[in-house]
Each structure stands twice: as structure tokens, then as C-alpha cells.
Amino acid sequence: MAGVSPTAILSEHLAKLNGQISFTAVCDEVMFGTRGTEAILREQPGLAGDFMISAEGPGYMDLAVAEKGLLWVDVEVTGPSGHSSRALRKESAVGKLVAFMTEIDKLNDEYAALPAELDGVSGNEDNLGLRLSASAGVVGAGTVRSLMAPMAFAHFDFRLPPGIPASNVKQRLLALANRFEGIQLSYPKEWDPNWEPSNSRYASLLSDTIATVRGSAPRMVVRLPGSDARHWRNRGVPAICFGPKPTLSAGVDDYPNEQDVVDCAKIYALAALKLMASV
């Protein structure tokens, strides 16, 4: 509603406005598929426009000028098969995978130094937006308890804060994998952290607009999960995430506060008027 309402209201006055307003909604953003925003911008490139406001807020009504990148890593480990009584430490496929995952888990303690373009930007709650995160969402091995599995695997999801590109993490993972025999890495999906400079005209305009509606300027932060804003940034279009979310992004049982939804509708409409007047 926060996005639909201002679009509907402004559409009634397009004759008086300098430009056009587009509203897009997609279904597969969470899985990073190709049938959502990628398809829309491929088939209708004009929808990229000159500016983009994503309603995927970072939480706490902060203003996300940046967001983490993504690196999916598939780990496949091979080792000897046979009866479980022959298992040796760090020699079975599962043992090597466990040792490898233990080393990867240490990366969760690492924080990035932000680029100069993000001066004044924080990592949101507990500075988590600046932290490198690594999580294995899928882990598997054999099917029989009393036999050593000849193969084990894990599918990792890394989230990369600005300052830590995917190439950096891949290089470190390869060095770690080379410490073991039989570990193969592949990378089915990746993109680097992306952002709008914190001192850009667009970031300042949106921050000032939020202050006008809500009485104070928002914190500029790094959004934890990815968003479709990156597709606009990849096309050179300024994009920022701001939306009605009272708690940290990526939580469970998400909900908006009613006043935040109303405020966002006002902010989107007012920001659109200012931006269209400045083109």
C-alpha cells in the first residue's frame, strides 16, 4: 500500500508533472530468479527510469543507501568409503567437510571497513550490516549410519558487506580448500556489494524528505539482505531502499506499523515530486 497509494495519487496529476512514474512488483526476488525484475527490465528497459525507490526497508525506518553482496558456494568433498570403524579424524568426506565448515564459520566474526563513498553510513543494529556472514543452508552426506559416506556437500550463502568483494572471499575459500584433499568449490550465483554514495544529491534529497515528514533525518545504513535495487544500480540508476519496517530486516513474523506505512506513502509521493522537478 505504501507504494501503490502515492503512485495512484500522482498518476492523476501526470499532466502537471515533468516525467512518468512507474510501480513494479515481482514474485521471485527472494530466490533471485530471472522471471521477476530481470525480466521486467529486459522487456521494458524504459522502466529503469532516472531514479528508483525500493520499499524494501532495512529496518527501524532507516535509509539504506547500500546493501550487501551475495556469494553462493557449493562445497563437494570426497573421501574413502567403507565401514564406520575405519574412520580417521579429518580423513573421511564428512570429517573434512566439518573441518572446512568450522574454518568458514570463523568468517562470521569479520567486519568490513566501508569505502569512502559511504562516509557516515553505519551497519544498522549491532553494526551487522558491516559484518561478513556465512551460512550453510543445505548440508548432506550418506544414507547409512554404519558406513563412511564417500561424498559430503554443503551449500553456503555468504553476504558480503561493502568493502569485501566476492573475489576476495573466493580467493580465501580456495586457499582454505587447498589445505584438504578432495574438496571442490563452485559458485552458482554471485554479485558484489552495491550502493549509492551517501553524499549524493539523491541520497540527500531523500533524507531531507524523510526528515520533513517524520521530523528527523534517518540513519543511513547498509541493508543486510539483497534487494532488487541492485538491478537499477547496475544500470547506472540511483537506487535507495526505504520502507515501513519497524525491526531489523531479515527477521521472522515481519509486520509494519500503520503510521510508518502512511509516512512512507507521503515520503514516496513528495520525493517523486522533488525528483521529477529536478530532472
Foldseek 3Di string as FASTA:
>chain_A
DLPVVLLVVVVVVVVVFQDHDDDADFDCFVVPDCPGPVVCCVVPVCNLDFAAEAQQAQAQQFKEQWAWKKWKKKKKFFADKDFQVPDDACGFQVNVVVVLVVVVQVQQVDFADADPLAPQAAAPVVSNLRGKDKDFPDWDFDDDDGMGGRMIMTIMMITGHHRQFPVNVVVVSVVSPVVHPGMDMDIPDIDGMDGDRCPDPLNVLLQVLLCVLPVHGHHHYYRYDDGPQVVSVVVVHRYMYGHFWHGGPPDPPTDGDPVRSVSSSSSVNVSVRVVRVVD
